[in-house]
């Protein structure tokens, strides 16, 4: 995913105009709307749980995921807990759990926001939603029937932590999704501004079409014929078969094929393959098997002459899937095995009635963008804790500066390596 900084910003519910960085604001909200949002959120409680305590809430957590405005497998317990237990290269999150104390524990959990608490949290200017390189989405889990109250309760909790609390940066929000709409609505009703950072679009496969119809929208017929010609040439090397594994045992075995094939390629040569890090390999094995038991992981294996030539890992369900990981045999690169595997996977997703498959790719990805014509708008949202304040302005300015410095450093690194920034 892209980590580069972008200067555009926006307010709640309003897209930014072209021009310099600014915070867009709407007219003051009607007092009735603001009062209603505050009254609904006042009945809710926010508990902060560490890793061990959060695991104790896994059943209620899974139940919330099924009731949430948007499914986000990366913030569900089987994925989130596996990352925090096995990966060591990031700031460990805590879990802000919004609940209704009047309801039983399982149905009373109405919202979950994984966040990173900076040192000296009570005096912090900015709270960070949890992000990690293995996560492709940061949309919080919010009960669809209580969304405004849950979001307002979470923001009110941040405001209560300190008079200097500026706001929260929520990473990788799908800007056209219902959760984003709910955040906008609450922000408008309570006078909070929203700034957007890192806006980009990535490829997404929408349901309701055939593969031929999808390819017809994404590339000229001549390119489609070339892909079919490469498939025929690949078949000359041996029988081509693609098998989807969805049961836990099949996923386990297919994951081992993925690990071996990835280590054989450029990531293995660079020392960045999963098998080069024992914790990372354990994480991948754990998360795929755990999600397979929940019916939320499948692995497609393409073999040529009985030997694995490409492996793709898909997470999620029929409502929202994620093409999370893929690898292929580079010795067959002449025949574009990664593309051939993706075409087979795409066909199965479309035929299976999957509503949406997120590519989890960077913007302008050279492979997937050629195959999938639709795009998903994603951005990091900074939401003010209590409305306009010096703390909010300071926190947002600091975020802009961090991103600018990181982008400059990245460009200088590429120039030093003789690469195009």
Protein backbone atom coordinates (compact mmCIF):
# COMPACT_ATOMS: atom_id res chain seq x y z
CA UNK A 1 0.00 0.00 0.00
CA UNK A 2 1.07 3.51 -0.64
CA UNK A 3 2.57 5.30 2.33
CA UNK A 4 3.42 8.54 0.53
CA UNK A 5 1.98 11.86 1.65
CA UNK A 6 -0.67 13.75 -0.26
CA UNK A 7 -1.58 17.35 0.52
CA UNK A 8 -5.32 17.29 -0.04
CA UNK A 9 -7.67 17.70 2.91
CA UNK A 10 -11.40 17.87 3.48
CA UNK A 11 -14.06 18.52 6.01
CA UNK A 12 -16.80 16.24 7.17
CA UNK A 13 -18.98 15.39 4.22
CA UNK A 14 -17.29 17.74 1.72
CA UNK A 15 -14.74 16.79 -0.90
CA UNK A 16 -11.70 19.08 -1.01
CA UNK A 17 -11.32 21.74 -3.70
CA UNK A 18 -8.17 21.87 -5.76
CA UNK A 19 -5.61 24.14 -4.20
CA UNK A 20 -3.51 24.53 -1.06
CA UNK A 21 -3.93 22.45 2.08
CA UNK A 22 -6.88 23.59 4.20
CA UNK A 23 -9.49 22.33 6.60
CA UNK A 24 -12.97 22.52 5.12
CA UNK A 25 -15.84 23.13 7.51
CA UNK A 26 -19.57 23.14 7.24
CA UNK A 27 -21.91 25.61 8.89
CA UNK A 28 -22.40 25.03 12.64
CA UNK A 29 -24.59 21.94 13.15
CA UNK A 30 -28.17 22.33 14.33
CA UNK A 31 -28.29 22.15 18.13
CA UNK A 32 -30.89 19.37 17.96
CA UNK A 33 -28.61 17.08 15.93
CA UNK A 34 -25.63 17.72 18.18
CA UNK A 35 -27.71 17.12 21.31
CA UNK A 36 -29.11 13.86 19.91
CA UNK A 37 -25.62 12.54 19.08
CA UNK A 38 -24.33 13.43 22.55
CA UNK A 39 -27.32 11.91 24.35
CA UNK A 40 -27.04 8.60 22.46
CA UNK A 41 -23.30 8.30 23.07
CA UNK A 42 -23.58 9.17 26.77
CA UNK A 43 -25.24 5.83 27.50
CA UNK A 44 -22.24 3.92 26.13
CA UNK A 45 -18.98 3.02 27.86
CA UNK A 46 -15.49 2.79 26.38
CA UNK A 47 -13.10 0.18 27.79
CA UNK A 48 -9.43 -0.06 26.86
CA UNK A 49 -8.14 -3.62 26.54
CA UNK A 50 -4.63 -4.88 26.02
CA UNK A 51 -3.78 -7.97 23.99
CA UNK A 52 -4.61 -10.55 26.63
CA UNK A 53 -7.86 -8.90 27.71
CA UNK A 54 -8.96 -8.39 24.10
CA UNK A 55 -8.54 -12.10 23.40
CA UNK A 56 -10.97 -12.86 26.21
CA UNK A 57 -13.62 -10.94 24.24
CA UNK A 58 -13.14 -12.92 21.00
CA UNK A 59 -16.70 -14.36 20.84
CA UNK A 60 -18.31 -10.93 21.30
CA UNK A 61 -15.72 -9.48 18.92
CA UNK A 62 -16.64 -11.97 16.18
CA UNK A 63 -20.33 -11.29 16.75
CA UNK A 64 -19.70 -7.56 16.31
CA UNK A 65 -17.86 -8.24 13.06
CA UNK A 66 -20.99 -9.88 11.67
CA UNK A 67 -23.09 -6.86 12.70
CA UNK A 68 -20.66 -4.17 11.57
CA UNK A 69 -21.35 -1.55 8.93
CA UNK A 70 -18.41 -2.89 6.92
CA UNK A 71 -16.60 -6.19 7.18
CA UNK A 72 -12.90 -5.73 7.84
CA UNK A 73 -11.17 -9.07 8.29
CA UNK A 74 -7.94 -7.30 9.34
CA UNK A 75 -9.59 -5.91 12.47
CA UNK A 76 -11.37 -9.14 13.36
CA UNK A 77 -9.90 -11.22 16.21
CA UNK A 78 -8.35 -14.08 14.25
CA UNK A 79 -6.25 -11.68 12.17
CA UNK A 80 -5.63 -8.85 14.64
CA UNK A 81 -4.60 -11.11 17.52
CA UNK A 82 -2.29 -13.16 15.28
CA UNK A 83 -0.46 -10.00 14.19
CA UNK A 84 -0.07 -8.67 17.72
CA UNK A 85 1.10 -12.02 19.08
CA UNK A 86 3.60 -12.99 16.40
CA UNK A 87 4.85 -9.82 14.67
CA UNK A 88 7.32 -7.74 16.67
CA UNK A 89 8.17 -4.87 14.34
CA UNK A 90 5.51 -2.32 15.27
CA UNK A 91 3.92 -0.37 18.09
CA UNK A 92 1.49 -2.71 19.79
CA UNK A 93 -2.11 -1.55 19.80
CA UNK A 94 -4.73 -1.49 22.49
CA UNK A 95 -8.39 -2.00 21.69
CA UNK A 96 -10.95 0.69 22.46
CA UNK A 97 -14.18 -1.27 22.92
CA UNK A 98 -17.43 0.67 22.89
CA UNK A 99 -20.17 -1.19 24.70
CA UNK A 100 -23.66 -0.79 26.05
CA UNK A 101 -23.43 -1.71 29.75
CA UNK A 102 -27.16 -2.41 29.81
CA UNK A 103 -26.81 -5.38 27.46
CA UNK A 104 -25.22 -8.85 27.84
CA UNK A 105 -21.50 -9.02 27.06
CA UNK A 106 -21.86 -10.69 23.65
CA UNK A 107 -24.49 -8.34 22.23
CA UNK A 108 -23.32 -5.33 24.23
CA UNK A 109 -20.09 -4.83 22.26
CA UNK A 110 -21.03 -2.18 19.68
CA UNK A 111 -17.72 -0.86 18.43
CA UNK A 112 -14.03 -1.73 18.27
CA UNK A 113 -11.22 0.70 17.44
CA UNK A 114 -7.63 -0.67 17.57
CA UNK A 115 -5.41 2.29 18.47
CA UNK A 116 -1.82 3.02 19.37
CA UNK A 117 -1.40 5.01 22.55
CA UNK A 118 1.74 7.19 22.38
CA UNK A 119 3.90 7.44 25.46
CA UNK A 120 2.43 9.92 27.88
CA UNK A 121 -1.00 9.32 26.37
CA UNK A 122 -2.82 11.64 28.77
CA UNK A 123 -0.97 14.59 27.30
CA UNK A 124 -1.06 13.45 23.68
CA UNK A 125 -2.12 15.67 20.81
CA UNK A 126 -2.95 12.81 18.47
CA UNK A 127 -4.13 9.22 18.78
CA UNK A 128 -3.29 6.79 15.98
CA UNK A 129 -5.52 4.09 14.58
CA UNK A 130 -3.53 0.87 14.30
CA UNK A 131 -1.70 0.21 11.06
CA UNK A 132 0.75 -2.48 10.06
CA UNK A 133 2.21 -3.61 6.74
CA UNK A 134 0.11 -6.78 6.85
CA UNK A 135 -3.15 -4.81 7.15
CA UNK A 136 -4.83 -3.54 3.99
CA UNK A 137 -7.77 -1.79 5.65
CA UNK A 138 -8.26 0.23 8.83
CA UNK A 139 -12.02 0.68 8.91
CA UNK A 140 -13.16 0.21 12.52
CA UNK A 141 -15.86 -2.28 13.45
CA UNK A 142 -19.09 -0.39 14.21
CA UNK A 143 -22.49 -1.92 14.88
CA UNK A 144 -24.71 -1.04 11.95
CA UNK A 145 -27.74 -0.26 14.15
CA UNK A 146 -25.89 2.06 16.54
CA UNK A 147 -23.20 3.61 14.36
CA UNK A 148 -23.63 7.35 15.15
CA UNK A 149 -23.73 6.77 18.91
CA UNK A 150 -20.71 4.43 18.81
CA UNK A 151 -18.57 6.82 16.78
CA UNK A 152 -19.58 9.79 18.93
CA UNK A 153 -18.79 7.83 22.12
CA UNK A 154 -15.31 6.98 20.81
CA UNK A 155 -14.55 10.59 19.85
CA UNK A 156 -15.93 11.88 23.15
CA UNK A 157 -13.69 9.41 25.00
CA UNK A 158 -10.63 10.81 23.18
CA UNK A 159 -11.64 14.34 24.09
CA UNK A 160 -11.91 13.39 27.75
CA UNK A 161 -8.37 12.02 27.90
CA UNK A 162 -6.74 15.44 27.87
CA UNK A 163 -7.49 19.09 27.19
CA UNK A 164 -4.69 18.82 24.63
CA UNK A 165 -6.23 15.89 22.72
CA UNK A 166 -6.31 16.98 19.09
CA UNK A 167 -7.93 13.99 17.44
CA UNK A 168 -7.43 10.54 15.99
CA UNK A 169 -5.85 9.44 12.72
CA UNK A 170 -7.82 6.51 11.27
CA UNK A 171 -5.78 4.70 8.59
CA UNK A 172 -6.96 3.22 5.29
CA UNK A 173 -10.62 4.28 5.39
CA UNK A 174 -12.74 3.33 2.37
CA UNK A 175 -14.03 6.77 1.50
CA UNK A 176 -17.22 5.69 -0.26
CA UNK A 177 -18.20 3.13 2.37
CA UNK A 178 -20.95 3.30 4.99
CA UNK A 179 -18.49 3.70 7.88
CA UNK A 180 -16.98 6.78 6.27
CA UNK A 181 -20.49 8.14 5.74
CA UNK A 182 -21.31 7.56 9.42
CA UNK A 183 -18.11 9.32 10.55
CA UNK A 184 -18.94 12.28 8.31
CA UNK A 185 -22.44 12.43 9.73
CA UNK A 186 -21.24 12.44 13.34
CA UNK A 187 -18.58 15.01 12.56
CA UNK A 188 -21.13 17.30 10.96
CA UNK A 189 -23.56 16.90 13.86
CA UNK A 190 -20.93 17.61 16.51
CA UNK A 191 -18.87 20.30 14.80
CA UNK A 192 -15.74 18.21 14.26
CA UNK A 193 -13.54 18.68 11.22
CA UNK A 194 -11.94 15.94 9.12
CA UNK A 195 -8.65 16.11 7.27
CA UNK A 196 -7.68 13.52 4.68
CA UNK A 197 -4.14 12.31 4.07
CA UNK A 198 -2.60 9.81 1.67
CA UNK A 199 -5.59 9.63 -0.69
CA UNK A 200 -5.16 6.99 -3.35
CA UNK A 201 -7.17 4.51 -5.38
CA UNK A 202 -6.51 0.81 -5.77
CA UNK A 203 -8.00 -1.85 -7.98
CA UNK A 204 -11.14 -3.66 -6.86
CA UNK A 205 -13.16 -6.43 -8.52
CA UNK A 206 -16.89 -5.72 -8.45
CA UNK A 207 -19.44 -8.51 -8.72
CA UNK A 208 -22.35 -8.73 -11.13
CA UNK A 209 -20.34 -9.34 -14.31
CA UNK A 210 -18.52 -12.12 -16.12
CA UNK A 211 -14.76 -12.22 -16.49
CA UNK A 212 -15.04 -11.44 -20.21
CA UNK A 213 -17.20 -8.40 -19.44
CA UNK A 214 -14.73 -7.23 -16.81
CA UNK A 215 -11.72 -7.62 -19.10
CA UNK A 216 -13.65 -5.88 -21.87
CA UNK A 217 -13.82 -2.79 -19.66
CA UNK A 218 -10.18 -2.93 -18.59
CA UNK A 219 -8.15 -3.63 -21.73
CA UNK A 220 -8.33 -3.78 -25.53
CA UNK A 221 -9.36 -7.04 -27.18
CA UNK A 222 -5.83 -7.46 -28.54
CA UNK A 223 -4.44 -7.62 -24.99
CA UNK A 224 -7.05 -10.21 -23.99
CA UNK A 225 -6.06 -12.37 -26.96
CA UNK A 226 -2.41 -12.10 -25.92
CA UNK A 227 -3.22 -13.35 -22.41
CA UNK A 228 -5.08 -16.32 -23.88
CA UNK A 229 -2.12 -17.06 -26.15
CA UNK A 230 0.21 -17.08 -23.14
CA UNK A 231 -2.16 -19.46 -21.37
CA UNK A 232 -1.99 -21.88 -24.30
CA UNK A 233 1.82 -21.68 -24.27
CA UNK A 234 1.83 -22.36 -20.54
CA UNK A 235 -0.30 -25.45 -21.14
CA UNK A 236 2.39 -26.72 -23.48
CA UNK A 237 4.64 -27.00 -20.42
CA UNK A 238 2.18 -29.35 -18.75
CA UNK A 239 -1.44 -29.63 -17.70
CA UNK A 240 -2.60 -26.43 -15.99
CA UNK A 241 -4.91 -26.91 -13.02
CA UNK A 242 -6.22 -24.41 -10.47
CA UNK A 243 -7.62 -25.74 -7.20
CA UNK A 244 -9.26 -23.63 -4.50
CA UNK A 245 -8.63 -24.86 -0.95
CA UNK A 246 -11.06 -23.61 1.70
CA UNK A 247 -11.09 -26.30 4.41
CA UNK A 248 -8.55 -25.87 7.25
CA UNK A 249 -6.38 -28.82 6.21
CA UNK A 250 -6.31 -27.80 2.57
CA UNK A 251 -5.52 -24.20 3.52
CA UNK A 252 -2.69 -25.44 5.76
CA UNK A 253 -1.07 -27.43 2.96
CA UNK A 254 -1.61 -24.70 0.36
CA UNK A 255 -0.06 -22.12 2.69
CA UNK A 256 3.10 -24.22 2.84
CA UNK A 257 3.20 -24.16 -0.97
CA UNK A 258 2.90 -20.38 -0.84
CA UNK A 259 5.77 -20.10 1.66
CA UNK A 260 8.06 -22.32 -0.41
CA UNK A 261 7.27 -20.61 -3.71
CA UNK A 262 7.70 -17.11 -2.26
CA UNK A 263 11.07 -18.05 -0.74
CA UNK A 264 12.19 -19.31 -4.15
CA UNK A 265 11.60 -15.90 -5.75
CA UNK A 266 12.92 -12.36 -5.43
CA UNK A 267 11.71 -11.95 -1.85
CA UNK A 268 13.76 -14.96 -0.85
CA UNK A 269 16.81 -13.48 -2.57
CA UNK A 270 16.24 -10.18 -0.76
CA UNK A 271 15.69 -11.87 2.60
CA UNK A 272 12.14 -10.52 2.91
CA UNK A 273 10.14 -13.71 2.37
CA UNK A 274 7.97 -14.99 5.22
CA UNK A 275 10.30 -17.95 5.71
CA UNK A 276 13.19 -15.57 6.35
CA UNK A 277 11.53 -14.53 9.62
CA UNK A 278 10.32 -17.24 11.99
CA UNK A 279 7.75 -14.94 13.62
CA UNK A 280 6.37 -13.85 10.25
CA UNK A 281 6.06 -17.45 9.03
CA UNK A 282 4.27 -18.44 12.24
CA UNK A 283 1.94 -15.48 11.82
CA UNK A 284 1.02 -16.47 8.26
CA UNK A 285 0.40 -20.09 9.21
CA UNK A 286 -1.66 -19.08 12.23
CA UNK A 287 -3.83 -16.49 10.55
CA UNK A 288 -4.67 -18.58 7.48
CA UNK A 289 -5.64 -21.63 9.53
CA UNK A 290 -7.63 -19.61 12.07
CA UNK A 291 -9.55 -17.76 9.37
CA UNK A 292 -10.14 -21.00 7.44
CA UNK A 293 -11.87 -22.37 10.54
CA UNK A 294 -14.15 -19.32 10.44
CA UNK A 295 -14.80 -19.75 6.69
CA UNK A 296 -12.84 -16.60 5.90
CA UNK A 297 -9.76 -17.87 4.08
CA UNK A 298 -9.21 -19.75 0.85
CA UNK A 299 -6.04 -20.43 -1.12
CA UNK A 300 -5.93 -20.86 -4.89
CA UNK A 301 -3.09 -23.05 -6.19
CA UNK A 302 -2.22 -23.15 -9.88
CA UNK A 303 -0.09 -26.11 -10.88
CA UNK A 304 1.64 -26.80 -14.19
CA UNK A 305 2.44 -30.43 -14.82
CA UNK A 306 1.66 -31.17 -11.18
CA UNK A 307 4.07 -28.56 -9.77
CA UNK A 308 2.90 -25.39 -8.02
CA UNK A 309 3.35 -22.39 -10.32
CA UNK A 310 1.27 -19.77 -8.50
CA UNK A 311 -0.50 -19.38 -5.16
CA UNK A 312 -2.98 -16.72 -4.08
CA UNK A 313 -4.45 -16.18 -0.61
CA UNK A 314 -7.97 -14.71 -0.35
CA UNK A 315 -9.41 -13.51 2.94
CA UNK A 316 -12.94 -12.45 3.89
CA UNK A 317 -16.39 -13.62 2.90
CA UNK A 318 -18.84 -13.27 0.00
CA UNK A 319 -19.67 -9.72 1.05
CA UNK A 320 -16.10 -8.47 1.01
CA UNK A 321 -13.00 -10.40 0.04
CA UNK A 322 -9.34 -9.41 -0.05
CA UNK A 323 -6.77 -10.71 -2.53
CA UNK A 324 -4.19 -10.51 0.23
CA UNK A 325 -1.09 -12.40 -0.96
CA UNK A 326 0.10 -13.89 -4.20
CA UNK A 327 3.32 -15.42 -5.49
CA UNK A 328 4.40 -17.34 -8.58
CA UNK A 329 7.23 -19.36 -10.06
CA UNK A 330 9.58 -16.83 -11.66
CA UNK A 331 11.05 -19.50 -13.93
CA UNK A 332 7.72 -19.38 -15.78
CA UNK A 333 7.58 -15.57 -15.95
CA UNK A 334 7.56 -15.66 -19.79
CA UNK A 335 3.99 -16.97 -19.55
CA UNK A 336 2.79 -14.47 -16.91
CA UNK A 337 1.79 -17.12 -14.34
CA UNK A 338 0.79 -14.47 -11.79
CA UNK A 339 -1.63 -12.95 -14.29
CA UNK A 340 -2.99 -16.36 -15.25
CA UNK A 341 -3.61 -17.22 -11.60
CA UNK A 342 -5.33 -13.86 -11.01
CA UNK A 343 -7.58 -14.40 -14.01
CA UNK A 344 -8.65 -17.80 -12.67
CA UNK A 345 -9.22 -16.35 -9.21
CA UNK A 346 -11.22 -13.46 -10.66
CA UNK A 347 -13.46 -15.82 -12.59
CA UNK A 348 -14.19 -17.86 -9.46
CA UNK A 349 -14.93 -14.74 -7.42
CA UNK A 350 -17.36 -13.45 -10.04
CA UNK A 351 -19.03 -16.83 -10.59
CA UNK A 352 -19.30 -17.31 -6.82
CA UNK A 353 -21.27 -14.09 -6.42
CA UNK A 354 -18.68 -12.27 -4.32
CA UNK A 355 -19.81 -8.65 -4.07
CA UNK A 356 -16.36 -7.09 -3.91
CA UNK A 357 -12.77 -8.30 -3.97
CA UNK A 358 -10.20 -5.76 -2.80
CA UNK A 359 -6.80 -6.10 -4.49
CA UNK A 360 -4.95 -4.81 -1.38
CA UNK A 361 -2.50 -3.37 -3.93
CA UNK A 362 -0.67 -0.09 -4.17
CA UNK A 363 -2.05 2.61 -6.43
CA UNK A 364 -1.22 2.14 -10.13
CA UNK A 365 -0.15 -1.46 -9.64
CA UNK A 366 1.36 -2.65 -12.95
CA UNK A 367 -0.44 -6.02 -12.96
CA UNK A 368 -3.80 -5.84 -11.21
CA UNK A 369 -4.73 -2.40 -12.54
CA UNK A 370 -4.63 -3.82 -16.08
CA UNK A 371 -7.10 -6.57 -15.20
CA UNK A 372 -9.60 -4.93 -12.85
CA UNK A 373 -11.18 -1.70 -14.15
CA UNK A 374 -12.87 -0.48 -10.95
CA UNK A 375 -11.17 1.46 -8.16
CA UNK A 376 -11.56 1.79 -4.40
CA UNK A 377 -10.86 5.20 -2.88
CA UNK A 378 -8.81 4.93 0.33
CA UNK A 379 -7.38 7.59 2.64
CA UNK A 380 -6.21 8.21 6.20
CA UNK A 381 -8.71 10.39 8.09
CA UNK A 382 -7.75 12.73 10.90
CA UNK A 383 -10.91 13.41 12.92
CA UNK A 384 -10.87 16.19 15.49
CA UNK A 385 -11.51 15.17 19.08
CA UNK A 386 -13.69 18.10 20.06
CA UNK A 387 -13.87 20.47 17.09
CA UNK A 388 -11.65 23.36 16.10
CA UNK A 389 -8.81 23.87 18.57
CA UNK A 390 -5.14 24.72 18.69
CA UNK A 391 -4.41 21.09 19.59
CA UNK A 392 -6.26 19.78 16.54
CA UNK A 393 -4.50 22.23 14.23
CA UNK A 394 -1.12 21.37 15.78
CA UNK A 395 -1.70 17.62 15.45
CA UNK A 396 -2.81 17.89 11.81
CA UNK A 397 0.14 20.12 10.95
CA UNK A 398 2.47 17.63 12.61
CA UNK A 399 0.99 14.80 10.54
CA UNK A 400 1.50 16.80 7.34
CA UNK A 401 5.11 17.50 8.29
CA UNK A 402 5.83 13.84 9.10
CA UNK A 403 4.49 12.72 5.77
CA UNK A 404 6.38 15.38 3.87
CA UNK A 405 9.64 14.43 5.56
CA UNK A 406 9.03 10.72 4.95
CA UNK A 407 8.20 11.34 1.28
CA UNK A 408 11.33 13.45 0.79
CA UNK A 409 13.52 10.84 2.48
CA UNK A 410 12.01 8.10 0.33
CA UNK A 411 12.66 10.06 -2.88
CA UNK A 412 16.25 10.77 -1.87
CA UNK A 413 16.78 7.07 -1.12
CA UNK A 414 15.52 6.06 -4.56
CA UNK A 415 17.68 8.71 -6.23
CA UNK A 416 20.72 7.44 -4.35
CA UNK A 417 19.93 3.92 -5.60
CA UNK A 418 19.53 5.20 -9.15
CA UNK A 419 15.83 4.50 -9.21
CA UNK A 420 12.97 6.69 -10.34
CA UNK A 421 11.19 8.15 -7.24
